[in-house]
Amino acid sequence: MPAANAAPSPCYNHLQRVYWEDTDAGGVVFYANYLKFFERARTEWLRHLGIGQQALRETTGAIFVVIDTQVSYRAPARLDDQLRVTVAVQHCATASMRIDQQAWCGSVLVAEGRIRIACVDAHRFKPRRVPLAVTDQVQQWLHPVHQPPTESAPQPDCASASQPPVSHPFTASKSAP
C-alpha cells in the first residue's frame, strides 16, 4: 500500500463527487464504491493519454481487466464530498500493470488501493502483451507514491495544465452525424 506521508510526486488526479447512490445507511460512502471511483479515475487517465478503451479493443483486440485489488479505508467520505482520486503507476510489465490509487477529501486520505491490471485478448480472455503504443504512454507515468495537495496548491479537476491530453492512435474518432 502507498504510504500517506511519502514524498510528493506527479500523478493523475480525477475529481469525483459523492452522490446519494454512493452512500450506505450510515450516510458514508459504501466501501465497494471506492473500487468504482478508482475505475473511473483509471479510465479518465487513459482517456487523458489518448487511449479510448473501446477504440483500443476495436483496433488491437486488447482489453484491460482487474486481476487483484487491495483497498484500505482510512476515513469516511459523505454525501456531497468532492473527492480527488489519484492514479500512480508503480510497475508496468509486458502484460500487466500495478497502479496505486488514493481517494482524498481535501487533505484527508479516505481510501487507498493497489490495483493489478492485466491486458488480455478481448475474445479469448487470455493474457497478451500490452500494445506498444500504450506501453510507451504508460512508461511516462511510472511514479513513486503520491500525497495530498498542500493548502496553497489548487486542486486540479484532472491532470495538471502542464500535462495536456495526448494525441494517440487509439483515440476514438467522433464523426458528425
N, C-alpha and C. Protein backbone atom coordinates (compact mmCIF):
# COMPACT_ATOMS: atom_id res chain seq x y z
N MET A 1 0.84 -1.19 0.00
CA MET A 1 0.00 0.00 0.00
C MET A 1 0.87 1.24 0.00
N PRO A 2 0.40 2.30 -0.65
CA PRO A 2 1.15 3.54 -0.63
C PRO A 2 1.18 4.13 0.78
N ALA A 3 2.25 4.80 1.08
CA ALA A 3 2.36 5.47 2.38
C ALA A 3 1.80 6.88 2.28
N ALA A 4 0.96 7.25 3.23
CA ALA A 4 0.28 8.54 3.19
C ALA A 4 1.24 9.71 3.37
N ASN A 5 2.41 9.50 3.94
CA ASN A 5 3.32 10.61 4.17
C ASN A 5 4.54 10.56 3.26
N ALA A 6 4.44 9.93 2.12
CA ALA A 6 5.56 9.82 1.19
C ALA A 6 5.84 11.16 0.51
N ALA A 7 7.01 11.26 -0.11
CA ALA A 7 7.39 12.49 -0.82
C ALA A 7 6.44 12.74 -1.98
N PRO A 8 6.16 14.01 -2.30
CA PRO A 8 5.23 14.30 -3.39
C PRO A 8 5.79 13.87 -4.74
N SER A 9 4.91 13.48 -5.62
CA SER A 9 5.27 13.17 -6.99
C SER A 9 4.06 13.40 -7.86
N PRO A 10 4.29 13.64 -9.14
CA PRO A 10 3.14 13.86 -10.01
C PRO A 10 2.34 12.58 -10.19
N CYS A 11 1.05 12.73 -10.31
CA CYS A 11 0.16 11.62 -10.58
C CYS A 11 -1.07 12.20 -11.27
N TYR A 12 -1.91 11.35 -11.78
CA TYR A 12 -3.13 11.81 -12.42
C TYR A 12 -4.19 12.01 -11.34
N ASN A 13 -4.96 13.08 -11.45
CA ASN A 13 -5.99 13.42 -10.48
C ASN A 13 -7.35 13.49 -11.17
N HIS A 14 -8.34 12.89 -10.54
CA HIS A 14 -9.71 12.91 -11.06
C HIS A 14 -10.64 13.31 -9.93
N LEU A 15 -11.50 14.30 -10.18
CA LEU A 15 -12.45 14.71 -9.15
C LEU A 15 -13.71 13.86 -9.25
N GLN A 16 -14.20 13.44 -8.08
CA GLN A 16 -15.37 12.58 -8.00
C GLN A 16 -16.28 13.09 -6.89
N ARG A 17 -17.49 13.49 -7.24
CA ARG A 17 -18.47 13.93 -6.25
C ARG A 17 -19.15 12.71 -5.65
N VAL A 18 -19.47 12.76 -4.37
CA VAL A 18 -20.20 11.68 -3.70
C VAL A 18 -21.70 11.98 -3.81
N TYR A 19 -22.45 11.03 -4.39
CA TYR A 19 -23.90 11.15 -4.56
C TYR A 19 -24.63 10.21 -3.60
N TRP A 20 -25.98 10.39 -3.50
CA TRP A 20 -26.79 9.52 -2.65
C TRP A 20 -26.51 8.05 -2.95
N GLU A 21 -26.46 7.71 -4.22
CA GLU A 21 -26.27 6.31 -4.63
C GLU A 21 -24.95 5.72 -4.15
N ASP A 22 -24.00 6.57 -3.77
CA ASP A 22 -22.69 6.11 -3.32
C ASP A 22 -22.65 5.80 -1.83
N THR A 23 -23.69 6.20 -1.09
CA THR A 23 -23.65 6.09 0.37
C THR A 23 -24.45 4.89 0.88
N ASP A 24 -24.16 4.51 2.11
CA ASP A 24 -24.88 3.40 2.75
C ASP A 24 -25.86 3.96 3.79
N ALA A 25 -26.47 3.09 4.56
CA ALA A 25 -27.45 3.51 5.56
C ALA A 25 -26.84 4.40 6.64
N GLY A 26 -25.53 4.33 6.82
CA GLY A 26 -24.86 5.17 7.80
C GLY A 26 -24.52 6.55 7.28
N GLY A 27 -24.81 6.79 5.99
CA GLY A 27 -24.56 8.11 5.41
C GLY A 27 -23.14 8.33 4.92
N VAL A 28 -22.37 7.26 4.85
CA VAL A 28 -21.00 7.36 4.34
C VAL A 28 -20.86 6.54 3.06
N VAL A 29 -19.79 6.78 2.32
CA VAL A 29 -19.58 6.03 1.08
C VAL A 29 -19.48 4.54 1.40
N PHE A 30 -20.28 3.75 0.70
CA PHE A 30 -20.26 2.30 0.82
C PHE A 30 -18.90 1.81 0.34
N TYR A 31 -18.28 0.92 1.09
CA TYR A 31 -16.89 0.54 0.86
C TYR A 31 -16.59 0.10 -0.58
N ALA A 32 -17.47 -0.66 -1.20
CA ALA A 32 -17.22 -1.17 -2.56
C ALA A 32 -17.21 -0.06 -3.61
N ASN A 33 -17.83 1.07 -3.30
CA ASN A 33 -17.89 2.16 -4.27
C ASN A 33 -16.53 2.81 -4.51
N TYR A 34 -15.59 2.64 -3.60
CA TYR A 34 -14.25 3.16 -3.86
C TYR A 34 -13.62 2.46 -5.05
N LEU A 35 -13.94 1.18 -5.26
CA LEU A 35 -13.44 0.49 -6.44
C LEU A 35 -14.01 1.11 -7.72
N LYS A 36 -15.27 1.55 -7.67
CA LYS A 36 -15.86 2.26 -8.81
C LYS A 36 -15.14 3.59 -9.04
N PHE A 37 -14.88 4.32 -7.95
CA PHE A 37 -14.19 5.59 -8.08
C PHE A 37 -12.80 5.39 -8.67
N PHE A 38 -12.10 4.34 -8.24
CA PHE A 38 -10.77 4.05 -8.76
C PHE A 38 -10.85 3.70 -10.25
N GLU A 39 -11.85 2.91 -10.62
CA GLU A 39 -12.02 2.52 -12.03
C GLU A 39 -12.27 3.76 -12.91
N ARG A 40 -13.13 4.64 -12.45
CA ARG A 40 -13.41 5.87 -13.22
C ARG A 40 -12.15 6.70 -13.39
N ALA A 41 -11.36 6.82 -12.34
CA ALA A 41 -10.13 7.60 -12.43
C ALA A 41 -9.15 6.97 -13.41
N ARG A 42 -9.01 5.64 -13.39
CA ARG A 42 -8.11 4.98 -14.34
C ARG A 42 -8.60 5.15 -15.77
N THR A 43 -9.90 5.07 -15.97
CA THR A 43 -10.46 5.26 -17.32
C THR A 43 -10.20 6.67 -17.82
N GLU A 44 -10.41 7.67 -16.96
CA GLU A 44 -10.16 9.05 -17.37
C GLU A 44 -8.67 9.31 -17.59
N TRP A 45 -7.81 8.65 -16.84
CA TRP A 45 -6.37 8.75 -17.04
C TRP A 45 -6.01 8.22 -18.43
N LEU A 46 -6.56 7.05 -18.80
CA LEU A 46 -6.30 6.51 -20.14
C LEU A 46 -6.81 7.46 -21.22
N ARG A 47 -8.00 8.02 -21.01
CA ARG A 47 -8.52 9.00 -21.98
C ARG A 47 -7.58 10.19 -22.10
N HIS A 48 -7.05 10.64 -20.97
CA HIS A 48 -6.10 11.74 -20.97
C HIS A 48 -4.87 11.40 -21.82
N LEU A 49 -4.48 10.13 -21.79
CA LEU A 49 -3.34 9.69 -22.60
C LEU A 49 -3.71 9.51 -24.07
N GLY A 50 -4.99 9.68 -24.39
CA GLY A 50 -5.44 9.49 -25.76
C GLY A 50 -5.81 8.06 -26.06
N ILE A 51 -6.04 7.27 -25.02
CA ILE A 51 -6.35 5.85 -25.19
C ILE A 51 -7.81 5.61 -24.83
N GLY A 52 -8.65 5.50 -25.85
CA GLY A 52 -10.04 5.13 -25.64
C GLY A 52 -10.12 3.62 -25.57
N GLN A 53 -10.72 3.09 -24.51
CA GLN A 53 -10.70 1.64 -24.35
C GLN A 53 -11.49 0.90 -25.42
N GLN A 54 -12.60 1.48 -25.89
CA GLN A 54 -13.34 0.83 -26.96
C GLN A 54 -12.53 0.84 -28.26
N ALA A 55 -11.89 1.95 -28.57
CA ALA A 55 -11.06 2.04 -29.76
C ALA A 55 -9.87 1.08 -29.67
N LEU A 56 -9.30 0.95 -28.48
CA LEU A 56 -8.19 0.01 -28.27
C LEU A 56 -8.65 -1.41 -28.57
N ARG A 57 -9.83 -1.74 -28.07
CA ARG A 57 -10.37 -3.09 -28.33
C ARG A 57 -10.61 -3.32 -29.82
N GLU A 58 -11.19 -2.33 -30.48
CA GLU A 58 -11.52 -2.48 -31.89
C GLU A 58 -10.28 -2.54 -32.78
N THR A 59 -9.22 -1.82 -32.42
CA THR A 59 -8.03 -1.77 -33.28
C THR A 59 -6.99 -2.83 -32.97
N THR A 60 -6.94 -3.30 -31.71
CA THR A 60 -5.90 -4.26 -31.33
C THR A 60 -6.44 -5.56 -30.76
N GLY A 61 -7.69 -5.58 -30.35
CA GLY A 61 -8.26 -6.75 -29.70
C GLY A 61 -7.85 -6.88 -28.24
N ALA A 62 -7.23 -5.83 -27.71
CA ALA A 62 -6.76 -5.85 -26.32
C ALA A 62 -7.75 -5.13 -25.40
N ILE A 63 -7.93 -5.70 -24.21
CA ILE A 63 -8.70 -5.02 -23.17
C ILE A 63 -7.94 -5.18 -21.85
N PHE A 64 -8.24 -4.30 -20.90
CA PHE A 64 -7.64 -4.39 -19.58
C PHE A 64 -8.67 -4.95 -18.60
N VAL A 65 -8.22 -5.84 -17.74
CA VAL A 65 -9.08 -6.41 -16.70
C VAL A 65 -8.37 -6.30 -15.36
N VAL A 66 -9.15 -6.11 -14.31
CA VAL A 66 -8.60 -6.08 -12.96
C VAL A 66 -8.39 -7.52 -12.51
N ILE A 67 -7.19 -7.84 -12.03
CA ILE A 67 -6.91 -9.20 -11.58
C ILE A 67 -6.65 -9.29 -10.08
N ASP A 68 -6.42 -8.15 -9.44
CA ASP A 68 -6.19 -8.17 -8.00
C ASP A 68 -6.42 -6.78 -7.44
N THR A 69 -7.04 -6.71 -6.27
CA THR A 69 -7.23 -5.42 -5.60
C THR A 69 -6.91 -5.58 -4.12
N GLN A 70 -6.44 -4.49 -3.56
CA GLN A 70 -6.23 -4.39 -2.12
C GLN A 70 -6.61 -2.97 -1.75
N VAL A 71 -7.59 -2.82 -0.87
CA VAL A 71 -8.07 -1.49 -0.50
C VAL A 71 -8.06 -1.35 1.01
N SER A 72 -7.60 -0.18 1.47
CA SER A 72 -7.65 0.17 2.89
C SER A 72 -8.49 1.42 3.04
N TYR A 73 -9.33 1.43 4.06
CA TYR A 73 -10.23 2.55 4.30
C TYR A 73 -9.71 3.31 5.51
N ARG A 74 -9.50 4.61 5.35
CA ARG A 74 -8.85 5.41 6.39
C ARG A 74 -9.79 6.36 7.12
N ALA A 75 -10.77 6.91 6.41
CA ALA A 75 -11.71 7.88 6.99
C ALA A 75 -12.98 7.86 6.15
N PRO A 76 -14.11 8.25 6.73
CA PRO A 76 -15.35 8.24 5.95
C PRO A 76 -15.45 9.43 4.99
N ALA A 77 -16.05 9.19 3.84
CA ALA A 77 -16.46 10.26 2.93
C ALA A 77 -17.97 10.26 2.94
N ARG A 78 -18.56 11.45 2.80
CA ARG A 78 -20.01 11.59 2.95
C ARG A 78 -20.65 12.24 1.72
N LEU A 79 -21.97 12.21 1.71
CA LEU A 79 -22.75 12.82 0.65
C LEU A 79 -22.24 14.23 0.33
N ASP A 80 -22.10 14.53 -0.95
CA ASP A 80 -21.68 15.82 -1.49
C ASP A 80 -20.19 16.12 -1.32
N ASP A 81 -19.43 15.25 -0.68
CA ASP A 81 -17.98 15.47 -0.62
C ASP A 81 -17.40 15.44 -2.02
N GLN A 82 -16.40 16.25 -2.25
CA GLN A 82 -15.66 16.24 -3.51
C GLN A 82 -14.37 15.48 -3.24
N LEU A 83 -14.22 14.33 -3.87
CA LEU A 83 -13.02 13.52 -3.69
C LEU A 83 -12.05 13.74 -4.84
N ARG A 84 -10.79 13.69 -4.51
CA ARG A 84 -9.73 13.71 -5.53
C ARG A 84 -9.16 12.31 -5.55
N VAL A 85 -9.36 11.61 -6.67
CA VAL A 85 -8.91 10.23 -6.80
C VAL A 85 -7.67 10.23 -7.69
N THR A 86 -6.59 9.65 -7.18
CA THR A 86 -5.31 9.68 -7.90
C THR A 86 -5.01 8.35 -8.57
N VAL A 87 -4.18 8.43 -9.60
CA VAL A 87 -3.68 7.26 -10.32
C VAL A 87 -2.17 7.40 -10.39
N ALA A 88 -1.44 6.44 -9.86
CA ALA A 88 0.03 6.45 -9.92
C ALA A 88 0.50 5.05 -10.32
N VAL A 89 1.08 4.94 -11.50
CA VAL A 89 1.57 3.66 -12.00
C VAL A 89 2.86 3.32 -11.27
N GLN A 90 2.86 2.17 -10.61
CA GLN A 90 4.04 1.74 -9.86
C GLN A 90 4.90 0.76 -10.63
N HIS A 91 4.26 -0.02 -11.53
CA HIS A 91 5.01 -1.02 -12.28
C HIS A 91 4.26 -1.29 -13.58
N CYS A 92 5.01 -1.39 -14.66
CA CYS A 92 4.43 -1.74 -15.96
C CYS A 92 5.23 -2.88 -16.55
N ALA A 93 4.62 -4.04 -16.67
CA ALA A 93 5.27 -5.23 -17.22
C ALA A 93 4.75 -5.48 -18.63
N THR A 94 5.15 -6.57 -19.21
CA THR A 94 4.77 -6.91 -20.58
C THR A 94 3.26 -7.02 -20.77
N ALA A 95 2.58 -7.63 -19.79
CA ALA A 95 1.14 -7.86 -19.94
C ALA A 95 0.33 -7.38 -18.74
N SER A 96 0.94 -6.61 -17.85
CA SER A 96 0.19 -6.16 -16.68
C SER A 96 0.78 -4.86 -16.13
N MET A 97 0.00 -4.23 -15.23
CA MET A 97 0.42 -3.01 -14.55
C MET A 97 -0.01 -3.09 -13.09
N ARG A 98 0.75 -2.43 -12.23
CA ARG A 98 0.34 -2.25 -10.84
C ARG A 98 0.15 -0.76 -10.63
N ILE A 99 -1.03 -0.40 -10.17
CA ILE A 99 -1.39 1.01 -10.01
C ILE A 99 -1.80 1.26 -8.57
N ASP A 100 -1.20 2.28 -7.97
CA ASP A 100 -1.62 2.70 -6.63
C ASP A 100 -2.60 3.85 -6.80
N GLN A 101 -3.68 3.80 -6.04
CA GLN A 101 -4.70 4.83 -6.11
C GLN A 101 -5.08 5.28 -4.71
N GLN A 102 -5.44 6.54 -4.62
CA GLN A 102 -5.87 7.10 -3.35
C GLN A 102 -7.08 7.99 -3.59
N ALA A 103 -7.95 8.06 -2.59
CA ALA A 103 -9.09 8.98 -2.61
C ALA A 103 -8.90 9.94 -1.45
N TRP A 104 -8.89 11.24 -1.75
CA TRP A 104 -8.67 12.29 -0.77
C TRP A 104 -9.89 13.18 -0.70
N CYS A 105 -10.25 13.58 0.50
CA CYS A 105 -11.27 14.61 0.70
C CYS A 105 -10.51 15.79 1.32
N GLY A 106 -10.21 16.78 0.49
CA GLY A 106 -9.33 17.85 0.95
C GLY A 106 -7.97 17.27 1.23
N SER A 107 -7.47 17.42 2.45
CA SER A 107 -6.16 16.87 2.80
C SER A 107 -6.27 15.57 3.59
N VAL A 108 -7.48 15.00 3.63
CA VAL A 108 -7.71 13.76 4.40
C VAL A 108 -7.74 12.57 3.45
N LEU A 109 -6.86 11.61 3.69
CA LEU A 109 -6.86 10.36 2.93
C LEU A 109 -8.03 9.52 3.41
N VAL A 110 -8.97 9.20 2.51
CA VAL A 110 -10.14 8.41 2.92
C VAL A 110 -10.02 6.94 2.52
N ALA A 111 -9.33 6.67 1.41
CA ALA A 111 -9.13 5.28 0.99
C ALA A 111 -7.92 5.21 0.09
N GLU A 112 -7.26 4.05 0.11
CA GLU A 112 -6.14 3.84 -0.80
C GLU A 112 -6.15 2.40 -1.26
N GLY A 113 -5.71 2.20 -2.48
CA GLY A 113 -5.73 0.86 -3.02
C GLY A 113 -4.56 0.58 -3.94
N ARG A 114 -4.29 -0.70 -4.07
CA ARG A 114 -3.30 -1.19 -5.03
C ARG A 114 -4.07 -2.11 -5.96
N ILE A 115 -4.02 -1.77 -7.24
CA ILE A 115 -4.80 -2.49 -8.25
C ILE A 115 -3.84 -3.10 -9.27
N ARG A 116 -4.03 -4.39 -9.57
CA ARG A 116 -3.26 -5.03 -10.64
C ARG A 116 -4.18 -5.20 -11.84
N ILE A 117 -3.69 -4.72 -12.97
CA ILE A 117 -4.44 -4.75 -14.22
C ILE A 117 -3.70 -5.66 -15.19
N ALA A 118 -4.42 -6.53 -15.88
CA ALA A 118 -3.82 -7.38 -16.90
C ALA A 118 -4.37 -6.98 -18.26
N CYS A 119 -3.56 -7.18 -19.27
CA CYS A 119 -4.01 -6.99 -20.65
C CYS A 119 -4.35 -8.38 -21.19
N VAL A 120 -5.57 -8.52 -21.72
CA VAL A 120 -6.00 -9.81 -22.27
C VAL A 120 -6.59 -9.61 -23.65
N ASP A 121 -6.62 -10.71 -24.40
CA ASP A 121 -7.29 -10.73 -25.68
C ASP A 121 -8.79 -10.65 -25.43
N ALA A 122 -9.46 -9.72 -26.09
CA ALA A 122 -10.87 -9.47 -25.84
C ALA A 122 -11.78 -10.66 -26.14
N HIS A 123 -11.36 -11.55 -27.01
CA HIS A 123 -12.21 -12.68 -27.39
C HIS A 123 -11.92 -13.94 -26.58
N ARG A 124 -10.65 -14.18 -26.27
CA ARG A 124 -10.27 -15.41 -25.57
C ARG A 124 -10.03 -15.19 -24.08
N PHE A 125 -9.90 -13.94 -23.66
CA PHE A 125 -9.57 -13.60 -22.27
C PHE A 125 -8.29 -14.29 -21.80
N LYS A 126 -7.34 -14.42 -22.70
CA LYS A 126 -6.02 -14.95 -22.38
C LYS A 126 -5.04 -13.77 -22.33
N PRO A 127 -4.04 -13.85 -21.46
CA PRO A 127 -3.06 -12.75 -21.38
C PRO A 127 -2.40 -12.48 -22.73
N ARG A 128 -2.12 -11.21 -22.94
CA ARG A 128 -1.41 -10.79 -24.16
C ARG A 128 -0.58 -9.56 -23.81
N ARG A 129 0.35 -9.22 -24.69
CA ARG A 129 1.17 -8.03 -24.48
C ARG A 129 0.31 -6.78 -24.51
N VAL A 130 0.68 -5.83 -23.67
CA VAL A 130 0.08 -4.51 -23.76
C VAL A 130 0.57 -3.92 -25.08
N PRO A 131 -0.32 -3.36 -25.92
CA PRO A 131 0.15 -2.76 -27.17
C PRO A 131 1.28 -1.75 -26.92
N LEU A 132 2.28 -1.78 -27.77
CA LEU A 132 3.48 -0.96 -27.59
C LEU A 132 3.16 0.53 -27.47
N ALA A 133 2.21 1.01 -28.26
CA ALA A 133 1.86 2.44 -28.18
C ALA A 133 1.29 2.79 -26.79
N VAL A 134 0.60 1.85 -26.17
CA VAL A 134 0.07 2.07 -24.82
C VAL A 134 1.21 2.04 -23.81
N THR A 135 2.08 1.04 -23.93
CA THR A 135 3.23 0.93 -23.03
C THR A 135 4.07 2.20 -23.07
N ASP A 136 4.30 2.73 -24.27
CA ASP A 136 5.09 3.96 -24.40
C ASP A 136 4.48 5.10 -23.60
N GLN A 137 3.16 5.23 -23.64
CA GLN A 137 2.47 6.28 -22.89
C GLN A 137 2.54 6.02 -21.38
N VAL A 138 2.28 4.79 -20.98
CA VAL A 138 2.23 4.43 -19.57
C VAL A 138 3.60 4.58 -18.92
N GLN A 139 4.66 4.22 -19.63
CA GLN A 139 6.01 4.31 -19.07
C GLN A 139 6.33 5.72 -18.58
N GLN A 140 5.76 6.73 -19.23
CA GLN A 140 6.00 8.11 -18.83
C GLN A 140 5.33 8.44 -17.49
N TRP A 141 4.46 7.58 -17.02
CA TRP A 141 3.71 7.83 -15.78
C TRP A 141 4.17 6.97 -14.62
N LEU A 142 5.30 6.28 -14.77
CA LEU A 142 5.81 5.49 -13.65
C LEU A 142 6.27 6.43 -12.56
N HIS A 143 5.73 6.26 -11.37
CA HIS A 143 5.98 7.20 -10.27
C HIS A 143 6.13 6.49 -8.95
N PRO A 144 6.86 7.14 -8.04
CA PRO A 144 6.77 6.69 -6.66
C PRO A 144 5.44 7.15 -6.07
N VAL A 145 5.19 6.85 -4.84
CA VAL A 145 3.93 7.13 -4.15
C VAL A 145 3.61 8.62 -4.13
N HIS A 146 2.34 8.97 -3.98
CA HIS A 146 1.86 10.34 -4.02
C HIS A 146 1.28 10.76 -2.67
N GLN A 147 1.00 12.07 -2.53
CA GLN A 147 0.46 12.60 -1.27
C GLN A 147 -0.55 13.70 -1.56
N PRO A 148 -1.25 14.20 -0.52
CA PRO A 148 -2.31 15.18 -0.73
C PRO A 148 -1.75 16.54 -1.14
N PRO A 149 -2.62 17.40 -1.71
CA PRO A 149 -2.18 18.74 -2.05
C PRO A 149 -1.95 19.56 -0.79
N THR A 150 -1.11 20.57 -0.89
CA THR A 150 -0.94 21.47 0.25
C THR A 150 -2.10 22.44 0.23
N GLU A 151 -2.31 23.16 1.31
CA GLU A 151 -3.41 24.12 1.38
C GLU A 151 -3.31 25.17 0.29
N SER A 152 -2.09 25.56 -0.09
CA SER A 152 -1.92 26.61 -1.10
C SER A 152 -2.01 26.09 -2.53
N ALA A 153 -1.90 24.77 -2.69
CA ALA A 153 -1.94 24.20 -4.04
C ALA A 153 -3.38 24.06 -4.51
N PRO A 154 -3.67 24.49 -5.75
CA PRO A 154 -5.03 24.32 -6.26
C PRO A 154 -5.32 22.84 -6.48
N GLN A 155 -6.57 22.46 -6.28
CA GLN A 155 -6.96 21.08 -6.53
C GLN A 155 -7.32 20.95 -8.01
N PRO A 156 -6.56 20.16 -8.75
CA PRO A 156 -6.84 20.01 -10.17
C PRO A 156 -8.12 19.22 -10.40
N ASP A 157 -8.82 19.51 -11.51
CA ASP A 157 -10.01 18.73 -11.82
C ASP A 157 -9.63 17.53 -12.65
N CYS A 158 -8.41 17.49 -13.12
CA CYS A 158 -7.91 16.37 -13.90
C CYS A 158 -6.40 16.44 -13.83
N ALA A 159 -5.70 16.08 -14.88
CA ALA A 159 -4.24 16.23 -14.88
C ALA A 159 -3.93 17.72 -14.92
N SER A 160 -2.72 18.05 -14.54
CA SER A 160 -2.36 19.46 -14.49
C SER A 160 -2.27 20.04 -15.90
N ALA A 161 -2.30 21.36 -15.98
CA ALA A 161 -2.23 22.04 -17.28
C ALA A 161 -0.91 21.74 -17.98
N SER A 162 0.11 21.36 -17.22
CA SER A 162 1.40 21.04 -17.83
C SER A 162 1.38 19.65 -18.47
N GLN A 163 0.27 18.92 -18.34
CA GLN A 163 0.15 17.60 -18.93
C GLN A 163 -1.09 17.56 -19.82
N PRO A 164 -1.02 18.20 -21.00
CA PRO A 164 -2.20 18.23 -21.88
C PRO A 164 -2.52 16.84 -22.42
N PRO A 165 -3.77 16.63 -22.83
CA PRO A 165 -4.12 15.34 -23.43
C PRO A 165 -3.21 15.04 -24.62
N VAL A 166 -2.93 13.76 -24.81
CA VAL A 166 -2.00 13.31 -25.82
C VAL A 166 -2.77 12.80 -27.03
N SER A 167 -2.31 13.13 -28.24
CA SER A 167 -2.88 12.55 -29.44
C SER A 167 -2.37 11.13 -29.55
N HIS A 168 -3.25 10.19 -29.82
CA HIS A 168 -2.86 8.79 -29.77
C HIS A 168 -3.65 8.00 -30.80
N PRO A 169 -3.06 6.94 -31.37
CA PRO A 169 -3.77 6.17 -32.39
C PRO A 169 -5.00 5.44 -31.90
N PHE A 170 -5.17 5.30 -30.58
CA PHE A 170 -6.32 4.59 -30.05
C PHE A 170 -7.43 5.53 -29.59
N THR A 171 -7.32 6.81 -29.94
CA THR A 171 -8.36 7.75 -29.59
C THR A 171 -9.53 7.52 -30.54
N ALA A 172 -10.68 7.32 -29.97
CA ALA A 172 -11.86 7.09 -30.80
C ALA A 172 -12.19 8.35 -31.58
N SER A 173 -12.38 8.20 -32.87
CA SER A 173 -12.74 9.37 -33.67
C SER A 173 -14.25 9.54 -33.64
N LYS A 174 -14.67 10.76 -33.46
CA LYS A 174 -16.10 11.08 -33.44
C LYS A 174 -16.44 11.77 -34.75
N SER A 175 -17.35 11.18 -35.47
CA SER A 175 -17.76 11.81 -36.72
C SER A 175 -19.14 12.41 -36.54
N ALA A 176 -19.34 13.56 -37.16
CA ALA A 176 -20.62 14.25 -37.05
C ALA A 176 -21.67 13.49 -37.81
N PRO A 177 -22.93 13.45 -37.30
CA PRO A 177 -24.00 12.71 -37.99
C PRO A 177 -24.38 13.35 -39.30
